[in-house]
N, C-alpha and C. Protein backbone atom coordinates (compact mmCIF):
# COMPACT_ATOMS: atom_id res chain seq x y z
N UNK A 1 -66.80 61.50 -15.50
CA UNK A 1 -67.52 60.93 -14.39
C UNK A 1 -67.18 61.68 -13.12
N UNK A 2 -68.19 62.13 -12.42
CA UNK A 2 -67.99 62.80 -11.15
C UNK A 2 -67.90 61.77 -10.04
N UNK A 3 -67.11 62.09 -9.04
CA UNK A 3 -66.98 61.19 -7.90
C UNK A 3 -65.52 60.97 -7.58
N UNK A 4 -65.28 60.04 -6.71
CA UNK A 4 -63.92 59.71 -6.32
C UNK A 4 -63.66 58.23 -6.59
N UNK A 5 -62.38 57.89 -6.77
CA UNK A 5 -62.01 56.50 -6.93
C UNK A 5 -62.14 55.80 -5.59
N UNK A 6 -62.82 54.68 -5.60
CA UNK A 6 -63.02 53.89 -4.38
C UNK A 6 -62.73 52.43 -4.68
N UNK A 7 -62.34 51.71 -3.64
CA UNK A 7 -62.02 50.30 -3.76
C UNK A 7 -62.49 49.59 -2.50
N UNK A 8 -63.11 48.44 -2.67
CA UNK A 8 -63.58 47.67 -1.52
C UNK A 8 -63.45 46.18 -1.83
N UNK A 9 -62.95 45.45 -0.87
CA UNK A 9 -62.76 44.00 -1.01
C UNK A 9 -63.32 43.35 0.25
N UNK A 10 -64.36 42.55 0.08
CA UNK A 10 -65.00 41.89 1.22
C UNK A 10 -65.15 40.39 0.95
N UNK A 11 -64.92 39.60 1.98
CA UNK A 11 -65.10 38.15 1.90
C UNK A 11 -65.87 37.73 3.14
N UNK A 12 -66.92 36.92 2.94
CA UNK A 12 -67.73 36.47 4.07
C UNK A 12 -67.95 34.97 3.99
N UNK A 13 -68.27 34.39 5.13
CA UNK A 13 -68.69 33.00 5.17
C UNK A 13 -70.19 32.96 4.96
N UNK A 14 -70.64 31.95 4.22
CA UNK A 14 -72.07 31.77 3.96
C UNK A 14 -72.42 30.29 4.05
N UNK A 15 -73.65 30.02 4.41
CA UNK A 15 -74.13 28.64 4.49
C UNK A 15 -74.60 28.21 3.11
N UNK A 16 -73.64 27.96 2.21
CA UNK A 16 -74.00 27.59 0.83
C UNK A 16 -72.83 26.87 0.17
N UNK A 17 -73.17 26.02 -0.78
CA UNK A 17 -72.15 25.34 -1.57
C UNK A 17 -71.69 26.24 -2.71
N UNK A 18 -70.59 25.90 -3.32
CA UNK A 18 -70.09 26.65 -4.47
C UNK A 18 -71.12 26.65 -5.60
N UNK A 19 -71.78 25.52 -5.82
CA UNK A 19 -72.80 25.44 -6.88
C UNK A 19 -73.98 26.36 -6.58
N UNK A 20 -74.41 26.39 -5.33
CA UNK A 20 -75.52 27.26 -4.95
C UNK A 20 -75.13 28.73 -5.11
N UNK A 21 -73.93 29.08 -4.71
CA UNK A 21 -73.47 30.46 -4.87
C UNK A 21 -73.38 30.84 -6.34
N UNK A 22 -72.89 29.95 -7.18
CA UNK A 22 -72.84 30.22 -8.62
C UNK A 22 -74.23 30.53 -9.15
N UNK A 23 -75.23 29.74 -8.74
CA UNK A 23 -76.60 29.99 -9.18
C UNK A 23 -77.09 31.36 -8.72
N UNK A 24 -76.83 31.71 -7.46
CA UNK A 24 -77.31 32.99 -6.92
C UNK A 24 -76.59 34.19 -7.54
N UNK A 25 -75.42 33.98 -8.11
CA UNK A 25 -74.67 35.07 -8.71
C UNK A 25 -74.80 35.14 -10.24
N UNK A 26 -75.33 34.10 -10.86
CA UNK A 26 -75.36 34.07 -12.32
C UNK A 26 -76.75 33.83 -12.92
N UNK A 27 -77.73 33.51 -12.11
CA UNK A 27 -79.09 33.30 -12.62
C UNK A 27 -79.95 34.51 -12.26
N UNK A 28 -80.47 35.23 -13.27
CA UNK A 28 -81.27 36.42 -12.98
C UNK A 28 -82.41 36.19 -11.99
N UNK A 29 -83.08 35.05 -12.04
CA UNK A 29 -84.17 34.79 -11.09
C UNK A 29 -83.65 34.76 -9.66
N UNK A 30 -82.48 34.20 -9.45
CA UNK A 30 -81.89 34.16 -8.11
C UNK A 30 -81.30 35.52 -7.73
N UNK A 31 -80.69 36.21 -8.69
CA UNK A 31 -80.15 37.55 -8.41
C UNK A 31 -81.24 38.48 -7.89
N UNK A 32 -82.41 38.39 -8.49
CA UNK A 32 -83.51 39.28 -8.08
C UNK A 32 -83.93 39.02 -6.64
N UNK A 33 -83.71 37.81 -6.12
CA UNK A 33 -84.11 37.48 -4.75
C UNK A 33 -83.30 38.25 -3.72
N UNK A 34 -82.02 38.52 -4.01
CA UNK A 34 -81.19 39.16 -2.99
C UNK A 34 -80.68 40.55 -3.38
N UNK A 35 -80.83 40.95 -4.62
CA UNK A 35 -80.36 42.27 -5.03
C UNK A 35 -81.31 43.40 -4.66
N UNK A 36 -82.47 43.07 -4.09
CA UNK A 36 -83.39 44.11 -3.68
C UNK A 36 -82.66 45.12 -2.82
N UNK A 37 -82.81 46.39 -3.00
CA UNK A 37 -83.87 47.09 -3.73
C UNK A 37 -83.52 47.40 -5.19
N UNK A 38 -82.43 46.86 -5.69
CA UNK A 38 -82.10 47.08 -7.10
C UNK A 38 -83.09 46.34 -8.00
N UNK A 39 -83.47 46.98 -9.08
CA UNK A 39 -84.34 46.36 -10.08
C UNK A 39 -83.45 45.91 -11.23
N UNK A 40 -83.43 44.63 -11.49
CA UNK A 40 -82.55 44.03 -12.48
C UNK A 40 -83.29 43.85 -13.80
N UNK A 41 -82.68 44.31 -14.90
CA UNK A 41 -83.26 44.11 -16.22
C UNK A 41 -82.29 43.29 -17.07
N UNK A 42 -82.67 42.03 -17.28
CA UNK A 42 -81.87 41.13 -18.09
C UNK A 42 -82.79 40.06 -18.66
N UNK A 43 -82.32 39.39 -19.67
CA UNK A 43 -83.09 38.31 -20.27
C UNK A 43 -82.31 37.01 -20.09
N UNK A 44 -82.95 35.92 -20.38
CA UNK A 44 -82.28 34.63 -20.26
C UNK A 44 -82.34 34.09 -18.85
N UNK A 45 -81.93 32.83 -18.72
CA UNK A 45 -81.99 32.18 -17.41
C UNK A 45 -80.63 32.09 -16.73
N UNK A 46 -79.56 32.51 -17.42
CA UNK A 46 -78.22 32.51 -16.83
C UNK A 46 -77.38 33.56 -17.55
N UNK A 47 -76.56 34.29 -16.79
CA UNK A 47 -75.67 35.27 -17.40
C UNK A 47 -74.66 34.57 -18.30
N UNK A 48 -74.23 35.27 -19.34
CA UNK A 48 -73.25 34.75 -20.29
C UNK A 48 -72.16 35.78 -20.49
N UNK A 49 -70.94 35.33 -20.75
CA UNK A 49 -69.84 36.25 -21.05
C UNK A 49 -70.22 37.10 -22.26
N UNK A 50 -69.95 38.40 -22.18
CA UNK A 50 -70.28 39.33 -23.25
C UNK A 50 -71.65 39.97 -23.10
N UNK A 51 -72.50 39.44 -22.25
CA UNK A 51 -73.85 39.96 -22.04
C UNK A 51 -73.81 41.27 -21.26
N UNK A 52 -74.72 42.17 -21.59
CA UNK A 52 -74.88 43.43 -20.88
C UNK A 52 -76.27 43.47 -20.28
N UNK A 53 -76.36 43.91 -19.03
CA UNK A 53 -77.65 44.07 -18.37
C UNK A 53 -77.59 45.30 -17.48
N UNK A 54 -78.73 45.74 -17.00
CA UNK A 54 -78.77 46.94 -16.17
C UNK A 54 -79.45 46.65 -14.84
N UNK A 55 -79.12 47.47 -13.86
CA UNK A 55 -79.82 47.48 -12.58
C UNK A 55 -80.14 48.93 -12.27
N UNK A 56 -81.26 49.13 -11.59
CA UNK A 56 -81.70 50.49 -11.28
C UNK A 56 -82.18 50.56 -9.84
N UNK A 57 -81.92 51.71 -9.23
CA UNK A 57 -82.43 52.02 -7.90
C UNK A 57 -82.75 53.50 -7.89
N UNK A 58 -84.02 53.80 -7.67
CA UNK A 58 -84.50 55.18 -7.74
C UNK A 58 -84.09 55.80 -9.06
N UNK A 59 -83.28 56.84 -9.04
CA UNK A 59 -82.87 57.52 -10.28
C UNK A 59 -81.52 57.01 -10.79
N UNK A 60 -80.89 56.10 -10.08
CA UNK A 60 -79.56 55.60 -10.46
C UNK A 60 -79.67 54.39 -11.38
N UNK A 61 -78.88 54.40 -12.43
CA UNK A 61 -78.85 53.29 -13.36
C UNK A 61 -77.41 52.80 -13.48
N UNK A 62 -77.23 51.49 -13.44
CA UNK A 62 -75.91 50.89 -13.52
C UNK A 62 -75.92 49.83 -14.61
N UNK A 63 -74.99 49.98 -15.54
CA UNK A 63 -74.85 49.01 -16.62
C UNK A 63 -73.74 48.03 -16.24
N UNK A 64 -74.00 46.74 -16.42
CA UNK A 64 -73.05 45.67 -16.12
C UNK A 64 -72.76 44.91 -17.41
N UNK A 65 -71.49 44.70 -17.72
CA UNK A 65 -71.12 43.84 -18.84
C UNK A 65 -70.33 42.67 -18.28
N UNK A 66 -70.78 41.45 -18.61
CA UNK A 66 -70.11 40.25 -18.11
C UNK A 66 -68.82 40.07 -18.90
N UNK A 67 -67.71 40.35 -18.25
CA UNK A 67 -66.40 40.25 -18.88
C UNK A 67 -65.88 38.81 -18.85
N UNK A 68 -66.11 38.11 -17.73
CA UNK A 68 -65.60 36.75 -17.54
C UNK A 68 -66.56 36.00 -16.64
N UNK A 69 -66.84 34.75 -17.00
CA UNK A 69 -67.70 33.91 -16.17
C UNK A 69 -67.15 32.49 -16.22
N UNK A 70 -66.74 31.99 -15.04
CA UNK A 70 -66.26 30.61 -14.92
C UNK A 70 -67.08 29.93 -13.83
N UNK A 71 -66.73 28.72 -13.48
CA UNK A 71 -67.46 27.97 -12.47
C UNK A 71 -67.38 28.62 -11.09
N UNK A 72 -66.33 29.42 -10.83
CA UNK A 72 -66.18 30.02 -9.50
C UNK A 72 -65.74 31.49 -9.54
N UNK A 73 -66.04 32.15 -10.66
CA UNK A 73 -65.62 33.55 -10.78
C UNK A 73 -66.49 34.29 -11.78
N UNK A 74 -66.82 35.54 -11.46
CA UNK A 74 -67.60 36.41 -12.32
C UNK A 74 -66.96 37.79 -12.28
N UNK A 75 -66.64 38.34 -13.44
CA UNK A 75 -66.08 39.69 -13.52
C UNK A 75 -67.02 40.54 -14.36
N UNK A 76 -67.40 41.69 -13.79
CA UNK A 76 -68.31 42.63 -14.45
C UNK A 76 -67.63 43.96 -14.67
N UNK A 77 -67.80 44.54 -15.83
CA UNK A 77 -67.38 45.92 -16.10
C UNK A 77 -68.61 46.78 -15.83
N UNK A 78 -68.43 47.83 -15.05
CA UNK A 78 -69.54 48.69 -14.63
C UNK A 78 -69.47 50.05 -15.31
N UNK A 79 -70.64 50.57 -15.68
CA UNK A 79 -70.72 51.89 -16.32
C UNK A 79 -71.91 52.64 -15.77
N UNK A 80 -71.87 53.92 -15.90
CA UNK A 80 -72.89 54.90 -15.53
C UNK A 80 -72.76 55.29 -14.07
N UNK A 81 -73.57 54.78 -13.14
CA UNK A 81 -73.50 55.22 -11.75
C UNK A 81 -72.15 54.90 -11.11
N UNK A 82 -71.49 53.85 -11.60
CA UNK A 82 -70.13 53.49 -11.18
C UNK A 82 -69.34 53.20 -12.45
N UNK A 83 -68.21 53.83 -12.60
CA UNK A 83 -67.32 53.54 -13.72
C UNK A 83 -66.17 52.69 -13.17
N UNK A 84 -66.23 51.39 -13.41
CA UNK A 84 -65.20 50.52 -12.86
C UNK A 84 -65.47 49.07 -13.15
N UNK A 85 -65.18 48.21 -12.17
CA UNK A 85 -65.36 46.77 -12.35
C UNK A 85 -65.69 46.14 -11.00
N UNK A 86 -66.26 44.94 -11.08
CA UNK A 86 -66.54 44.15 -9.89
C UNK A 86 -66.21 42.70 -10.18
N UNK A 87 -65.57 42.06 -9.23
CA UNK A 87 -65.24 40.64 -9.36
C UNK A 87 -65.86 39.89 -8.20
N UNK A 88 -66.56 38.82 -8.53
CA UNK A 88 -67.10 37.90 -7.54
C UNK A 88 -66.33 36.59 -7.66
N UNK A 89 -65.97 36.01 -6.54
CA UNK A 89 -65.41 34.66 -6.52
C UNK A 89 -66.03 33.94 -5.34
N UNK A 90 -66.10 32.60 -5.44
CA UNK A 90 -66.80 31.84 -4.42
C UNK A 90 -66.29 30.41 -4.36
N UNK A 91 -66.63 29.77 -3.27
CA UNK A 91 -66.32 28.36 -3.04
C UNK A 91 -67.27 27.85 -1.98
N UNK A 92 -67.10 26.61 -1.56
CA UNK A 92 -67.98 26.06 -0.53
C UNK A 92 -67.84 26.84 0.76
N UNK A 93 -68.92 27.53 1.16
CA UNK A 93 -68.95 28.23 2.43
C UNK A 93 -68.44 29.65 2.43
N UNK A 94 -68.06 30.21 1.29
CA UNK A 94 -67.55 31.59 1.27
C UNK A 94 -67.86 32.26 -0.06
N UNK A 95 -67.93 33.59 -0.02
CA UNK A 95 -68.08 34.41 -1.22
C UNK A 95 -67.26 35.68 -1.00
N UNK A 96 -66.67 36.16 -2.09
CA UNK A 96 -65.84 37.36 -2.03
C UNK A 96 -66.24 38.30 -3.15
N UNK A 97 -66.29 39.59 -2.82
CA UNK A 97 -66.60 40.62 -3.80
C UNK A 97 -65.53 41.69 -3.74
N UNK A 98 -64.98 42.01 -4.88
CA UNK A 98 -64.01 43.09 -5.01
C UNK A 98 -64.59 44.08 -6.02
N UNK A 99 -64.64 45.34 -5.64
CA UNK A 99 -65.19 46.34 -6.53
C UNK A 99 -64.31 47.58 -6.49
N UNK A 100 -64.07 48.15 -7.66
CA UNK A 100 -63.30 49.39 -7.78
C UNK A 100 -63.98 50.26 -8.81
N UNK A 101 -63.98 51.55 -8.55
CA UNK A 101 -64.55 52.44 -9.53
C UNK A 101 -64.63 53.88 -9.05
N UNK A 102 -65.00 54.73 -9.98
CA UNK A 102 -65.21 56.14 -9.72
C UNK A 102 -66.71 56.34 -9.59
N UNK A 103 -67.12 56.91 -8.47
CA UNK A 103 -68.54 57.13 -8.21
C UNK A 103 -68.72 58.12 -7.07
N UNK A 104 -69.81 58.87 -7.06
CA UNK A 104 -70.11 59.71 -5.90
C UNK A 104 -70.82 58.91 -4.81
N UNK A 105 -71.19 57.67 -5.09
CA UNK A 105 -71.92 56.83 -4.14
C UNK A 105 -70.99 56.21 -3.10
N UNK A 106 -71.49 55.85 -1.93
CA UNK A 106 -70.67 55.17 -0.92
C UNK A 106 -70.50 53.70 -1.29
N UNK A 107 -69.47 53.40 -2.05
CA UNK A 107 -69.28 52.08 -2.64
C UNK A 107 -69.20 50.96 -1.60
N UNK A 108 -68.42 51.15 -0.57
CA UNK A 108 -68.26 50.09 0.44
C UNK A 108 -69.57 49.82 1.19
N UNK A 109 -70.32 50.85 1.47
CA UNK A 109 -71.60 50.68 2.14
C UNK A 109 -72.56 49.85 1.28
N UNK A 110 -72.64 50.18 -0.01
CA UNK A 110 -73.51 49.43 -0.92
C UNK A 110 -73.08 47.98 -1.04
N UNK A 111 -71.78 47.75 -1.15
CA UNK A 111 -71.26 46.39 -1.27
C UNK A 111 -71.55 45.59 0.01
N UNK A 112 -71.36 46.20 1.16
CA UNK A 112 -71.63 45.53 2.43
C UNK A 112 -73.11 45.16 2.54
N UNK A 113 -73.99 46.08 2.16
CA UNK A 113 -75.42 45.82 2.21
C UNK A 113 -75.80 44.65 1.30
N UNK A 114 -75.27 44.63 0.08
CA UNK A 114 -75.61 43.54 -0.85
C UNK A 114 -75.08 42.20 -0.38
N UNK A 115 -73.89 42.15 0.18
CA UNK A 115 -73.37 40.89 0.71
C UNK A 115 -74.20 40.43 1.90
N UNK A 116 -74.64 41.36 2.73
CA UNK A 116 -75.51 41.01 3.84
C UNK A 116 -76.82 40.43 3.34
N UNK A 117 -77.39 41.04 2.28
CA UNK A 117 -78.64 40.53 1.69
C UNK A 117 -78.44 39.13 1.14
N UNK A 118 -77.34 38.89 0.42
CA UNK A 118 -77.06 37.56 -0.12
C UNK A 118 -76.96 36.54 1.01
N UNK A 119 -76.20 36.85 2.03
CA UNK A 119 -76.04 35.94 3.17
C UNK A 119 -77.37 35.67 3.85
N UNK A 120 -78.18 36.70 4.02
CA UNK A 120 -79.48 36.57 4.66
C UNK A 120 -80.40 35.64 3.87
N UNK A 121 -80.48 35.83 2.57
CA UNK A 121 -81.33 34.99 1.73
C UNK A 121 -80.84 33.54 1.75
N UNK A 122 -79.54 33.33 1.66
CA UNK A 122 -79.00 31.97 1.69
C UNK A 122 -79.21 31.32 3.05
N UNK A 123 -79.11 32.09 4.14
CA UNK A 123 -79.34 31.54 5.49
C UNK A 123 -80.77 31.08 5.66
N UNK A 124 -81.72 31.88 5.15
CA UNK A 124 -83.14 31.50 5.23
C UNK A 124 -83.40 30.23 4.43
N UNK A 125 -82.76 30.11 3.28
CA UNK A 125 -82.95 28.92 2.46
C UNK A 125 -82.37 27.68 3.15
N UNK A 126 -81.19 27.84 3.79
CA UNK A 126 -80.57 26.71 4.47
C UNK A 126 -81.39 26.26 5.67
N UNK A 127 -82.10 27.22 6.31
CA UNK A 127 -82.90 26.89 7.49
C UNK A 127 -84.21 26.17 7.13
N UNK A 128 -84.66 26.34 5.92
CA UNK A 128 -85.96 25.73 5.54
C UNK A 128 -85.80 24.34 4.96
């Protein structure tokens, strides 16, 4: 794998309950709402431990394998565009993402953008 080892850990406040965050992080229909511009390819209505799915953006493809899924935690093993792992954890009013891996991509920039998208979508939902 070409690239450098990178690590990023971000935690933000969001206007959402732990249950709502779990839905937005584990239900493909909800993931698609905030993961734009990534194109998500998965089946089923909720992620399951052991499941593998892909996301794509332009020519980049990223494979995700659900390593662990609990009521307040999701761990993904990442392959292809990023060789590493990502952990999501959440509670009432906050979400945290930790990602580590080897990649030529700007990992922290991508993670910041996706957390901003998640917060933005949840804020719009809370306002309506």
